[in-house]
Protein backbone atom coordinates (compact mmCIF):
# COMPACT_ATOMS: atom_id res chain seq x y z
CA MET A 1 -24.21 7.26 6.56
CA ILE A 2 -21.52 4.48 6.18
CA THR A 3 -24.38 1.80 6.13
CA LYS A 4 -26.26 4.05 2.90
CA LEU A 5 -23.35 4.25 1.60
CA LYS A 6 -21.91 0.43 1.58
CA LYS A 7 -25.75 -0.43 0.19
CA ILE A 8 -25.05 1.95 -2.57
CA ILE A 9 -21.97 -0.04 -3.44
CA LYS A 10 -23.46 -2.89 -2.93
CA ASN A 11 -26.22 -2.17 -5.52
CA MET A 12 -23.49 -0.74 -7.96
CA LEU A 13 -21.65 -3.99 -7.55
CA GLY A 14 -24.68 -6.01 -8.64
CA ARG A 15 -25.05 -3.86 -11.58
CA GLY A 16 -21.47 -5.25 -12.92
CA ILE A 17 -19.65 -1.57 -11.41
CA SER A 18 -16.56 -2.88 -9.73
CA GLU A 19 -15.20 -0.95 -6.07
CA LEU A 20 -12.36 0.12 -8.02
CA GLU A 21 -14.70 1.79 -10.86
CA TYR A 22 -17.00 3.32 -8.36
CA LEU A 23 -14.31 4.93 -6.40
CA GLU A 24 -12.89 6.14 -9.93
CA ALA A 25 -15.66 7.70 -10.77
CA HIS A 26 -15.95 9.40 -7.53
CA GLY A 27 -11.94 11.05 -7.99
CA PHE A 28 -9.75 8.33 -6.67
CA ARG A 29 -6.62 8.34 -8.54
CA HIS A 30 -3.73 5.57 -9.07
CA GLY A 31 -0.82 4.77 -11.07
CA LYS A 32 0.05 1.82 -13.12
CA ASN A 33 0.10 -1.52 -11.44
CA PHE A 34 -2.46 -0.48 -8.85
CA GLN A 35 -3.38 -3.79 -6.65
CA TYR A 36 -5.35 -4.89 -3.38
CA TYR A 37 -6.09 -7.75 -1.66
CA SER A 38 -9.14 -8.42 0.29
CA GLY A 39 -12.16 -6.14 1.78
CA HIS A 40 -12.13 -1.92 1.16
CA PRO A 41 -9.28 -0.64 1.54
CA ILE A 42 -10.10 2.97 0.42
CA ASP A 43 -11.99 5.40 2.47
CA SER A 44 -15.17 5.83 -0.39
CA ASN A 45 -16.43 8.56 1.47
CA TRP A 46 -13.82 10.76 0.61
CA PRO A 47 -11.80 9.25 -2.55
CA TRP A 48 -11.30 12.28 -4.37
CA LEU A 49 -8.94 13.34 -1.89
CA ILE A 50 -6.66 9.94 -1.69
CA SER A 51 -4.28 9.27 -4.80
CA VAL A 52 -1.51 6.84 -4.97
CA GLY A 53 1.40 6.57 -7.05
CA ASP A 54 2.47 3.33 -9.44
CA ASN A 55 3.76 -0.15 -8.55
CA VAL A 56 1.35 0.37 -5.07
CA MET A 57 0.03 -2.65 -3.63
CA LEU A 58 -2.21 -2.72 -0.29
CA ALA A 59 -1.95 -6.06 1.31
CA SER A 60 -4.72 -7.38 3.44
CA ASP A 61 -5.90 -5.14 6.33
CA VAL A 62 -4.45 -1.67 4.90
CA ARG A 63 -6.89 1.05 5.17
CA ILE A 64 -6.41 4.11 3.48
CA LEU A 65 -8.24 6.93 5.21
CA ALA A 66 -8.78 10.50 3.59
CA HIS A 67 -9.89 11.93 7.33
CA ASP A 68 -9.22 10.81 10.78
CA ALA A 69 -12.99 11.16 12.09
CA SER A 70 -11.88 13.10 15.20
CA VAL A 71 -13.93 15.68 16.45
CA LEU A 72 -13.09 19.27 17.32
CA TYR A 73 -13.97 20.18 20.90
CA ARG A 74 -14.28 23.56 22.22
C-alpha cells in the first residue's frame, strides 16, 4: 500500500503538484510560516488527521505519524 501511495505522489509531483499541496488536498492543515526540510515528514496515509500550528519548522529526519502501526493481539 505504501509503495502504491508513493507512486501516486511521484506521479502527481511529476505533474507539477508539490507534496505539501497533495497533503493539503487530502486534509492536512497547518498554520502560517510552516516549513519542513528533506524527505516526507508528514504521514501521507492519514493526512486529514494531522494539523500543526503557526511558526512550525520540521527539521531533517522528523516524522509526524497519525498512527503507530501497531497490531492489537487478543
